[in-house]
Amino acid sequence: MQSDLLDLKNLGNTSINWLHTIGINSQEELQKKGPVAAYLEIKQRGIRVSKVLLYALHGALTDTNWNDLDTETKESLVKQAEKSMDLA
């Protein structure tokens, strides 16, 4: 399936396939769901992913390489994910 996700930074075939498994097929759909929710939904599918995917999804939406994200942004993303997992 061809989509504009291929044009985003940080996303390769594997991560795009993971997004497709949770129903995200476009940048707009990823933006609507948000990187934290998408990351958590992928994890809930039993797919073993690291925090790098969380950073990569955020970076894809902000046109930033994931390893160029500042420490504060990374920490904020992790805290949001942890808080969401606690609420589930």
Protein backbone atom coordinates (compact mmCIF):
# COMPACT_ATOMS: atom_id res chain seq x y z
CA MET A 1 0.00 0.00 0.00
CA GLN A 2 1.50 3.30 -1.11
CA SER A 3 1.05 6.21 1.27
CA ASP A 4 2.52 9.56 2.17
CA LEU A 5 3.99 7.94 5.28
CA LEU A 6 6.96 6.96 3.12
CA ASP A 7 7.78 10.64 2.69
CA LEU A 8 8.12 11.24 6.44
CA LYS A 9 11.44 11.25 8.29
CA ASN A 10 12.26 8.26 10.46
CA LEU A 11 9.70 5.89 8.94
CA GLY A 12 10.76 2.84 6.99
CA ASN A 13 8.86 -0.13 5.66
CA THR A 14 8.71 -1.93 9.01
CA SER A 15 7.39 1.01 11.01
CA ILE A 16 4.92 1.84 8.24
CA ASN A 17 3.67 -1.75 8.29
CA TRP A 18 3.19 -1.45 12.06
CA LEU A 19 1.19 1.74 11.51
CA HIS A 20 -0.92 -0.02 8.90
CA THR A 21 -1.75 -2.79 11.40
CA ILE A 22 -3.36 -0.19 13.65
CA GLY A 23 -5.23 1.48 10.80
CA ILE A 24 -2.92 4.40 10.15
CA ASN A 25 -2.33 4.78 6.43
CA SER A 26 -1.51 8.47 6.06
CA GLN A 27 0.27 11.37 7.72
CA GLU A 28 -3.11 12.90 8.52
CA GLU A 29 -4.23 9.75 10.34
CA LEU A 30 -0.97 9.65 12.30
CA GLN A 31 -1.40 13.32 13.21
CA LYS A 32 -4.97 12.69 14.41
CA LYS A 33 -4.00 9.71 16.56
CA GLY A 34 -0.79 11.26 17.80
CA PRO A 35 2.60 9.62 18.25
CA VAL A 36 2.03 8.46 21.83
CA ALA A 37 -1.30 6.77 21.13
CA ALA A 38 0.04 5.17 17.95
CA TYR A 39 3.11 3.88 19.79
CA LEU A 40 1.01 2.41 22.60
CA GLU A 41 -1.43 0.80 20.19
CA ILE A 42 1.45 -0.86 18.32
CA LYS A 43 2.83 -2.15 21.64
CA GLN A 44 -0.61 -3.44 22.62
CA ARG A 45 -0.59 -5.58 19.47
CA GLY A 46 2.30 -7.48 21.01
CA ILE A 47 4.87 -5.95 18.69
CA ARG A 48 8.15 -5.51 20.53
CA VAL A 49 9.25 -1.94 19.98
CA SER A 50 11.59 0.38 21.82
CA LYS A 51 11.19 4.00 22.79
CA VAL A 52 12.98 4.86 19.56
CA LEU A 53 9.72 4.18 17.71
CA LEU A 54 7.98 6.73 19.93
CA TYR A 55 10.67 9.29 19.15
CA ALA A 56 10.57 8.39 15.45
CA LEU A 57 6.80 8.88 15.25
CA HIS A 58 7.07 12.28 16.92
CA GLY A 59 9.95 13.21 14.66
CA ALA A 60 8.00 12.10 11.60
CA LEU A 61 5.29 14.61 12.46
CA THR A 62 7.72 17.42 13.26
CA ASP A 63 10.10 16.73 10.35
CA THR A 64 12.94 15.99 12.77
CA ASN A 65 15.32 13.06 12.88
CA TRP A 66 14.50 11.15 16.05
CA ASN A 67 18.06 11.33 17.36
CA ASP A 68 18.01 15.13 17.02
CA LEU A 69 15.13 15.47 19.50
CA ASP A 70 16.20 17.17 22.69
CA THR A 71 16.21 15.32 25.99
CA GLU A 72 13.22 17.25 27.31
CA THR A 73 11.08 16.23 24.34
CA LYS A 74 12.08 12.58 24.69
CA GLU A 75 11.36 12.62 28.42
CA SER A 76 7.99 14.26 27.84
CA LEU A 77 7.01 11.64 25.27
CA VAL A 78 7.98 8.81 27.62
CA LYS A 79 6.05 10.38 30.51
CA GLN A 80 2.97 10.76 28.31
CA ALA A 81 3.21 7.11 27.27
CA GLU A 82 3.69 5.93 30.86
CA LYS A 83 0.75 8.02 32.06
CA SER A 84 -1.46 6.62 29.31
CA MET A 85 -0.43 3.06 30.20
CA ASP A 86 -1.27 3.71 33.86
CA LEU A 87 -4.74 4.92 32.86
CA ALA A 88 -5.43 1.86 30.72
